[in-house]
Amino acid sequence: MKVELLMETEYINKQVFKSMNNDAVELIKLITSSIKTAKVNG
């Protein structure tokens, strides 16, 4: 993920990384679920 690069280059700290990464993972889950539902109802 690109968020990891931000942490590795010290653009963001570990606490911000964890928060952003968790948010990104949740968004991916929501989008994936939405796409699957759209395909079923499609």
C-alpha atoms as a PDB file:
ATOM      1  CA  MET A   1       0.000   0.000   0.000  1.00  0.00           C
ATOM      2  CA  LYS A   2       1.097   3.564  -0.600  1.00  0.00           C
ATOM      3  CA  VAL A   3       0.449   4.425   3.054  1.00  0.00           C
ATOM      4  CA  GLU A   4       3.361   2.171   3.997  1.00  0.00           C
ATOM      5  CA  LEU A   5       5.659   4.240   1.810  1.00  0.00           C
ATOM      6  CA  LEU A   6       4.610   7.398   3.635  1.00  0.00           C
ATOM      7  CA  MET A   7       5.634   5.826   6.934  1.00  0.00           C
ATOM      8  CA  GLU A   8       8.875   4.352   5.604  1.00  0.00           C
ATOM      9  CA  THR A   9       9.943   7.769   4.339  1.00  0.00           C
ATOM     10  CA  GLU A  10       8.964   9.300   7.707  1.00  0.00           C
ATOM     11  CA  TYR A  11       6.363  11.555   6.093  1.00  0.00           C
ATOM     12  CA  ILE A  12       3.903  10.216   8.691  1.00  0.00           C
ATOM     13  CA  ASN A  13       4.536   8.574  12.052  1.00  0.00           C
ATOM     14  CA  LYS A  14       3.530   5.081  13.126  1.00  0.00           C
ATOM     15  CA  GLN A  15       0.384   6.228  14.931  1.00  0.00           C
ATOM     16  CA  VAL A  16      -0.909   8.087  11.873  1.00  0.00           C
ATOM     17  CA  PHE A  17       0.038   5.117   9.697  1.00  0.00           C
ATOM     18  CA  LYS A  18      -1.991   2.720  11.829  1.00  0.00           C
ATOM     19  CA  SER A  19      -5.027   4.967  11.700  1.00  0.00           C
ATOM     20  CA  MET A  20      -4.812   5.569   7.948  1.00  0.00           C
ATOM     21  CA  ASN A  21      -4.113   1.917   7.239  1.00  0.00           C
ATOM     22  CA  ASN A  22      -7.095   0.756   9.302  1.00  0.00           C
ATOM     23  CA  ASP A  23      -9.323   3.239   7.493  1.00  0.00           C
ATOM     24  CA  ALA A  24      -8.039   2.056   4.117  1.00  0.00           C
ATOM     25  CA  VAL A  25      -8.659  -1.593   4.993  1.00  0.00           C
ATOM     26  CA  GLU A  26     -12.224  -0.800   6.073  1.00  0.00           C
ATOM     27  CA  LEU A  27     -12.860   1.130   2.853  1.00  0.00           C
ATOM     28  CA  ILE A  28     -11.594  -1.781   0.780  1.00  0.00           C
ATOM     29  CA  LYS A  29     -13.936  -4.135   2.656  1.00  0.00           C
ATOM     30  CA  LEU A  30     -16.916  -1.822   2.110  1.00  0.00           C
ATOM     31  CA  ILE A  31     -16.189  -1.335  -1.583  1.00  0.00           C
ATOM     32  CA  THR A  32     -15.641  -5.068  -2.118  1.00  0.00           C
ATOM     33  CA  SER A  33     -18.922  -5.881  -0.399  1.00  0.00           C
ATOM     34  CA  SER A  34     -20.745  -3.259  -2.435  1.00  0.00           C
ATOM     35  CA  ILE A  35     -19.360  -4.624  -5.710  1.00  0.00           C
ATOM     36  CA  LYS A  36     -20.326  -8.192  -4.776  1.00  0.00           C
ATOM     37  CA  THR A  37     -23.846  -7.066  -3.887  1.00  0.00           C
ATOM     38  CA  ALA A  38     -24.182  -5.138  -7.140  1.00  0.00           C
ATOM     39  CA  LYS A  39     -23.098  -8.211  -9.124  1.00  0.00           C
ATOM     40  CA  VAL A  40     -25.658 -10.420  -7.353  1.00  0.00           C
ATOM     41  CA  ASN A  41     -28.461  -7.903  -7.818  1.00  0.00           C
ATOM     42  CA  GLY A  42     -27.241  -6.948 -11.187  1.00  0.00           C
END
